[in-house]
Amino acid sequence: MSDAPRADSPRSNRADQEAAVVEAVTVVPGVARLVPSFRQVLTAAAQRLLSADATPATGVDIVEEDAGISVYVDLYTDATRPAGQIVDDVDRAVKALFSAEDRLVPTVKVRVMGVMG
């Protein structure tokens, strides 16, 4: 087992986890851009309003529960490939990232918000 923090570890850093997922997803052919979720946009706005350190909205949301980890990805495609193939490749990329870092493999939920181009 590696020394990398597990996703279910309290010492793991959510921002680092999200950044790694963003990096893994944005290189998938056909992904045009990630879209912040409504929850992320509202959270960032509330943090700015309260003069708290704002968490950047990334388009990736990692939810840890007793039943396991879910990774939500909201994205636009670029119309170069069928959306189903892009979703499958995003799913594989996220699971490979967690597996390579010796973390619990999550359930990945991808929402295609639209097509750019």
N, C-alpha and C. Protein backbone atom coordinates (compact mmCIF):
# COMPACT_ATOMS: atom_id res chain seq x y z
N MET A 1 0.84 -1.17 0.00
CA MET A 1 0.00 0.00 0.00
C MET A 1 0.89 1.24 0.00
N SER A 2 0.50 2.25 -0.75
CA SER A 2 1.32 3.45 -0.85
C SER A 2 1.05 4.39 0.32
N ASP A 3 1.86 5.44 0.42
CA ASP A 3 1.68 6.45 1.47
C ASP A 3 0.69 7.52 1.07
N ALA A 4 0.11 7.43 -0.12
CA ALA A 4 -0.87 8.43 -0.57
C ALA A 4 -2.10 8.36 0.32
N PRO A 5 -2.65 9.51 0.67
CA PRO A 5 -3.84 9.49 1.52
C PRO A 5 -5.01 8.86 0.79
N ARG A 6 -5.79 8.06 1.51
CA ARG A 6 -6.99 7.46 0.95
C ARG A 6 -8.08 8.52 0.89
N ALA A 7 -8.97 8.38 -0.07
CA ALA A 7 -10.06 9.35 -0.22
C ALA A 7 -10.95 9.37 1.01
N ASP A 8 -10.99 8.26 1.76
CA ASP A 8 -11.83 8.22 2.94
C ASP A 8 -11.07 8.63 4.20
N SER A 9 -9.83 9.07 4.04
CA SER A 9 -9.02 9.49 5.17
C SER A 9 -9.30 10.93 5.54
N PRO A 10 -9.42 11.23 6.86
CA PRO A 10 -9.68 12.62 7.24
C PRO A 10 -8.53 13.54 6.88
N ARG A 11 -7.32 12.98 6.68
CA ARG A 11 -6.20 13.86 6.37
C ARG A 11 -6.07 14.16 4.87
N SER A 12 -6.87 13.50 4.05
CA SER A 12 -6.80 13.77 2.62
C SER A 12 -7.41 15.13 2.32
N ASN A 13 -6.92 15.77 1.30
CA ASN A 13 -7.32 17.13 0.97
C ASN A 13 -8.30 17.11 -0.20
N ARG A 14 -9.54 17.54 0.06
CA ARG A 14 -10.59 17.51 -0.95
C ARG A 14 -10.21 18.32 -2.19
N ALA A 15 -9.62 19.49 -2.00
CA ALA A 15 -9.24 20.33 -3.14
C ALA A 15 -8.22 19.61 -4.02
N ASP A 16 -7.26 18.92 -3.41
CA ASP A 16 -6.27 18.16 -4.18
C ASP A 16 -6.92 17.01 -4.93
N GLN A 17 -7.87 16.35 -4.29
CA GLN A 17 -8.59 15.24 -4.94
C GLN A 17 -9.35 15.76 -6.15
N GLU A 18 -10.08 16.86 -5.95
CA GLU A 18 -10.85 17.42 -7.07
C GLU A 18 -9.94 17.88 -8.19
N ALA A 19 -8.80 18.49 -7.85
CA ALA A 19 -7.86 18.95 -8.88
C ALA A 19 -7.32 17.78 -9.69
N ALA A 20 -7.04 16.67 -9.02
CA ALA A 20 -6.54 15.48 -9.73
C ALA A 20 -7.61 14.92 -10.67
N VAL A 21 -8.86 14.92 -10.23
CA VAL A 21 -9.94 14.43 -11.08
C VAL A 21 -10.13 15.37 -12.27
N VAL A 22 -10.09 16.68 -12.02
CA VAL A 22 -10.22 17.66 -13.10
C VAL A 22 -9.14 17.41 -14.15
N GLU A 23 -7.92 17.21 -13.70
CA GLU A 23 -6.81 16.98 -14.63
C GLU A 23 -7.03 15.69 -15.43
N ALA A 24 -7.48 14.64 -14.76
CA ALA A 24 -7.71 13.35 -15.44
C ALA A 24 -8.84 13.45 -16.46
N VAL A 25 -9.88 14.22 -16.15
CA VAL A 25 -11.05 14.30 -17.02
C VAL A 25 -10.82 15.24 -18.20
N THR A 26 -10.15 16.35 -17.99
CA THR A 26 -10.00 17.34 -19.06
C THR A 26 -9.13 16.85 -20.21
N VAL A 27 -8.35 15.80 -20.01
CA VAL A 27 -7.53 15.27 -21.11
C VAL A 27 -8.25 14.18 -21.90
N VAL A 28 -9.44 13.80 -21.46
CA VAL A 28 -10.21 12.79 -22.19
C VAL A 28 -10.67 13.40 -23.52
N PRO A 29 -10.36 12.75 -24.63
CA PRO A 29 -10.79 13.27 -25.93
C PRO A 29 -12.31 13.44 -25.98
N GLY A 30 -12.73 14.62 -26.43
CA GLY A 30 -14.15 14.91 -26.54
C GLY A 30 -14.70 15.77 -25.43
N VAL A 31 -13.95 15.90 -24.33
CA VAL A 31 -14.39 16.77 -23.23
C VAL A 31 -14.00 18.20 -23.60
N ALA A 32 -15.01 19.06 -23.77
CA ALA A 32 -14.74 20.46 -24.13
C ALA A 32 -14.40 21.28 -22.89
N ARG A 33 -15.20 21.13 -21.84
CA ARG A 33 -14.92 21.83 -20.59
C ARG A 33 -15.81 21.28 -19.49
N LEU A 34 -15.37 21.49 -18.26
CA LEU A 34 -16.15 21.10 -17.10
C LEU A 34 -17.03 22.26 -16.69
N VAL A 35 -18.15 21.95 -16.06
CA VAL A 35 -19.12 22.96 -15.66
C VAL A 35 -19.35 22.84 -14.16
N PRO A 36 -19.14 23.93 -13.41
CA PRO A 36 -19.41 23.87 -11.97
C PRO A 36 -20.87 23.53 -11.70
N SER A 37 -21.09 22.71 -10.68
CA SER A 37 -22.47 22.37 -10.32
C SER A 37 -23.13 23.56 -9.65
N PHE A 38 -24.44 23.53 -9.61
CA PHE A 38 -25.20 24.60 -8.98
C PHE A 38 -24.81 24.72 -7.51
N ARG A 39 -24.61 23.58 -6.83
CA ARG A 39 -24.20 23.59 -5.43
C ARG A 39 -22.85 24.27 -5.26
N GLN A 40 -21.91 23.99 -6.17
CA GLN A 40 -20.59 24.61 -6.08
C GLN A 40 -20.66 26.12 -6.28
N VAL A 41 -21.46 26.55 -7.23
CA VAL A 41 -21.61 27.98 -7.50
C VAL A 41 -22.22 28.68 -6.29
N LEU A 42 -23.27 28.10 -5.71
CA LEU A 42 -23.91 28.69 -4.53
C LEU A 42 -22.96 28.71 -3.33
N THR A 43 -22.22 27.64 -3.13
CA THR A 43 -21.27 27.58 -2.01
C THR A 43 -20.20 28.65 -2.16
N ALA A 44 -19.64 28.79 -3.35
CA ALA A 44 -18.61 29.81 -3.58
C ALA A 44 -19.16 31.22 -3.36
N ALA A 45 -20.40 31.46 -3.83
CA ALA A 45 -21.02 32.77 -3.65
C ALA A 45 -21.26 33.07 -2.17
N ALA A 46 -21.74 32.08 -1.43
CA ALA A 46 -21.98 32.27 0.01
C ALA A 46 -20.67 32.52 0.75
N GLN A 47 -19.62 31.82 0.37
CA GLN A 47 -18.32 32.02 1.02
C GLN A 47 -17.80 33.43 0.75
N ARG A 48 -17.96 33.90 -0.48
CA ARG A 48 -17.53 35.28 -0.79
C ARG A 48 -18.35 36.28 -0.01
N LEU A 49 -19.65 36.06 0.09
CA LEU A 49 -20.54 36.94 0.81
C LEU A 49 -20.16 37.02 2.29
N LEU A 50 -19.75 35.90 2.85
CA LEU A 50 -19.38 35.84 4.26
C LEU A 50 -17.90 36.13 4.48
N SER A 51 -17.22 36.55 3.45
CA SER A 51 -15.78 36.86 3.50
C SER A 51 -14.95 35.67 3.95
N ALA A 52 -15.41 34.49 3.63
CA ALA A 52 -14.65 33.27 3.94
C ALA A 52 -13.79 32.92 2.73
N ASP A 53 -12.82 32.06 2.95
CA ASP A 53 -12.00 31.59 1.83
C ASP A 53 -12.90 30.81 0.89
N ALA A 54 -13.03 31.28 -0.32
CA ALA A 54 -13.92 30.64 -1.30
C ALA A 54 -13.28 29.40 -1.88
N THR A 55 -14.05 28.33 -1.94
CA THR A 55 -13.63 27.10 -2.58
C THR A 55 -13.95 27.24 -4.06
N PRO A 56 -12.95 27.09 -4.94
CA PRO A 56 -13.24 27.26 -6.36
C PRO A 56 -14.20 26.19 -6.87
N ALA A 57 -15.10 26.60 -7.74
CA ALA A 57 -16.03 25.67 -8.37
C ALA A 57 -15.30 24.98 -9.52
N THR A 58 -15.21 23.65 -9.47
CA THR A 58 -14.36 22.92 -10.41
C THR A 58 -15.11 22.14 -11.48
N GLY A 59 -16.38 21.83 -11.26
CA GLY A 59 -17.09 20.94 -12.16
C GLY A 59 -16.99 19.50 -11.72
N VAL A 60 -16.30 19.27 -10.61
CA VAL A 60 -16.15 17.94 -10.04
C VAL A 60 -16.59 18.02 -8.58
N ASP A 61 -17.39 17.06 -8.16
CA ASP A 61 -17.84 17.02 -6.77
C ASP A 61 -17.59 15.62 -6.25
N ILE A 62 -16.85 15.52 -5.16
CA ILE A 62 -16.55 14.23 -4.54
C ILE A 62 -17.35 14.15 -3.25
N VAL A 63 -18.21 13.15 -3.18
CA VAL A 63 -19.08 12.96 -2.02
C VAL A 63 -18.69 11.67 -1.32
N GLU A 64 -18.31 11.79 -0.06
CA GLU A 64 -17.93 10.63 0.73
C GLU A 64 -19.02 10.32 1.74
N GLU A 65 -19.53 9.08 1.68
CA GLU A 65 -20.56 8.62 2.60
C GLU A 65 -20.16 7.25 3.13
N ASP A 66 -20.90 6.77 4.11
CA ASP A 66 -20.60 5.45 4.67
C ASP A 66 -20.64 4.36 3.61
N ALA A 67 -21.55 4.51 2.65
CA ALA A 67 -21.71 3.49 1.60
C ALA A 67 -20.60 3.53 0.56
N GLY A 68 -19.79 4.59 0.54
CA GLY A 68 -18.70 4.69 -0.42
C GLY A 68 -18.53 6.10 -0.94
N ILE A 69 -17.78 6.22 -2.00
CA ILE A 69 -17.45 7.51 -2.59
C ILE A 69 -18.15 7.64 -3.94
N SER A 70 -18.73 8.81 -4.17
CA SER A 70 -19.31 9.11 -5.48
C SER A 70 -18.59 10.34 -6.03
N VAL A 71 -18.25 10.28 -7.30
CA VAL A 71 -17.64 11.41 -7.98
C VAL A 71 -18.61 11.86 -9.07
N TYR A 72 -19.02 13.12 -8.98
CA TYR A 72 -19.93 13.71 -9.96
C TYR A 72 -19.14 14.62 -10.87
N VAL A 73 -19.33 14.46 -12.17
CA VAL A 73 -18.63 15.28 -13.16
C VAL A 73 -19.67 15.86 -14.12
N ASP A 74 -19.70 17.18 -14.21
CA ASP A 74 -20.58 17.87 -15.15
C ASP A 74 -19.71 18.45 -16.26
N LEU A 75 -20.06 18.17 -17.52
CA LEU A 75 -19.19 18.59 -18.61
C LEU A 75 -19.96 18.89 -19.89
N TYR A 76 -19.27 19.59 -20.78
CA TYR A 76 -19.72 19.79 -22.16
C TYR A 76 -18.80 18.96 -23.04
N THR A 77 -19.35 18.40 -24.10
CA THR A 77 -18.54 17.68 -25.08
C THR A 77 -18.26 18.61 -26.26
N ASP A 78 -17.31 18.19 -27.11
CA ASP A 78 -16.94 19.04 -28.26
C ASP A 78 -17.46 18.50 -29.59
N ALA A 79 -18.32 17.50 -29.57
CA ALA A 79 -18.95 16.93 -30.76
C ALA A 79 -18.01 16.14 -31.66
N THR A 80 -16.80 15.84 -31.19
CA THR A 80 -15.87 15.06 -32.01
C THR A 80 -16.07 13.55 -31.84
N ARG A 81 -16.77 13.16 -30.77
CA ARG A 81 -17.01 11.74 -30.48
C ARG A 81 -18.41 11.58 -29.91
N PRO A 82 -18.97 10.39 -30.00
CA PRO A 82 -20.27 10.15 -29.38
C PRO A 82 -20.20 10.36 -27.86
N ALA A 83 -21.24 10.96 -27.30
CA ALA A 83 -21.26 11.28 -25.87
C ALA A 83 -21.09 10.03 -25.01
N GLY A 84 -21.67 8.91 -25.42
CA GLY A 84 -21.56 7.67 -24.64
C GLY A 84 -20.12 7.21 -24.49
N GLN A 85 -19.34 7.35 -25.57
CA GLN A 85 -17.92 6.98 -25.50
C GLN A 85 -17.16 7.91 -24.56
N ILE A 86 -17.48 9.19 -24.62
CA ILE A 86 -16.81 10.17 -23.76
C ILE A 86 -17.13 9.86 -22.30
N VAL A 87 -18.39 9.60 -22.01
CA VAL A 87 -18.80 9.27 -20.63
C VAL A 87 -18.07 8.02 -20.15
N ASP A 88 -18.00 7.00 -20.98
CA ASP A 88 -17.30 5.76 -20.60
C ASP A 88 -15.82 6.04 -20.32
N ASP A 89 -15.19 6.87 -21.16
CA ASP A 89 -13.77 7.19 -20.96
C ASP A 89 -13.54 8.03 -19.71
N VAL A 90 -14.47 8.95 -19.40
CA VAL A 90 -14.37 9.74 -18.16
C VAL A 90 -14.48 8.81 -16.96
N ASP A 91 -15.44 7.90 -17.01
CA ASP A 91 -15.63 6.92 -15.93
C ASP A 91 -14.34 6.13 -15.70
N ARG A 92 -13.76 5.62 -16.77
CA ARG A 92 -12.51 4.84 -16.66
C ARG A 92 -11.37 5.69 -16.12
N ALA A 93 -11.26 6.93 -16.58
CA ALA A 93 -10.15 7.81 -16.15
C ALA A 93 -10.23 8.10 -14.65
N VAL A 94 -11.43 8.38 -14.16
CA VAL A 94 -11.59 8.68 -12.73
C VAL A 94 -11.31 7.44 -11.89
N LYS A 95 -11.86 6.30 -12.30
CA LYS A 95 -11.62 5.06 -11.54
C LYS A 95 -10.14 4.67 -11.56
N ALA A 96 -9.47 4.87 -12.70
CA ALA A 96 -8.04 4.56 -12.80
C ALA A 96 -7.23 5.47 -11.88
N LEU A 97 -7.61 6.73 -11.79
CA LEU A 97 -6.92 7.67 -10.91
C LEU A 97 -7.02 7.21 -9.46
N PHE A 98 -8.21 6.90 -9.00
CA PHE A 98 -8.39 6.47 -7.61
C PHE A 98 -7.68 5.15 -7.36
N SER A 99 -7.74 4.24 -8.31
CA SER A 99 -7.09 2.95 -8.17
C SER A 99 -5.57 3.10 -8.11
N ALA A 100 -5.01 3.94 -8.98
CA ALA A 100 -3.56 4.16 -9.03
C ALA A 100 -3.04 4.80 -7.74
N GLU A 101 -3.89 5.58 -7.09
CA GLU A 101 -3.49 6.24 -5.85
C GLU A 101 -3.90 5.43 -4.63
N ASP A 102 -4.27 4.17 -4.86
CA ASP A 102 -4.62 3.23 -3.80
C ASP A 102 -5.74 3.76 -2.91
N ARG A 103 -6.75 4.34 -3.56
CA ARG A 103 -7.92 4.85 -2.84
C ARG A 103 -9.12 3.99 -3.21
N LEU A 104 -10.17 4.10 -2.41
CA LEU A 104 -11.40 3.39 -2.73
C LEU A 104 -11.88 3.82 -4.11
N VAL A 105 -12.25 2.87 -4.94
CA VAL A 105 -12.73 3.19 -6.28
C VAL A 105 -14.17 3.69 -6.16
N PRO A 106 -14.42 4.88 -6.71
CA PRO A 106 -15.73 5.50 -6.52
C PRO A 106 -16.76 5.06 -7.57
N THR A 107 -17.99 5.41 -7.28
CA THR A 107 -19.05 5.39 -8.28
C THR A 107 -18.91 6.72 -9.02
N VAL A 108 -18.87 6.69 -10.33
CA VAL A 108 -18.69 7.91 -11.12
C VAL A 108 -20.00 8.22 -11.84
N LYS A 109 -20.45 9.45 -11.68
CA LYS A 109 -21.69 9.89 -12.32
C LYS A 109 -21.36 11.09 -13.19
N VAL A 110 -21.54 10.93 -14.49
CA VAL A 110 -21.19 11.97 -15.45
C VAL A 110 -22.47 12.54 -16.05
N ARG A 111 -22.55 13.86 -16.04
CA ARG A 111 -23.69 14.54 -16.67
C ARG A 111 -23.17 15.36 -17.84
N VAL A 112 -23.67 15.04 -19.02
CA VAL A 112 -23.32 15.83 -20.21
C VAL A 112 -24.32 16.98 -20.28
N MET A 113 -23.84 18.19 -20.09
CA MET A 113 -24.69 19.37 -20.01
C MET A 113 -25.06 19.89 -21.40
N GLY A 114 -24.25 19.56 -22.40
CA GLY A 114 -24.50 20.01 -23.75
C GLY A 114 -23.31 19.76 -24.64
N VAL A 115 -23.43 20.24 -25.86
CA VAL A 115 -22.38 20.07 -26.86
C VAL A 115 -21.92 21.45 -27.30
N MET A 116 -20.60 21.65 -27.30
CA MET A 116 -20.04 22.92 -27.77
C MET A 116 -19.50 22.69 -29.18
N GLY A 117 -19.67 23.65 -30.01
CA GLY A 117 -19.06 23.52 -31.32
C GLY A 117 -19.96 23.69 -32.41
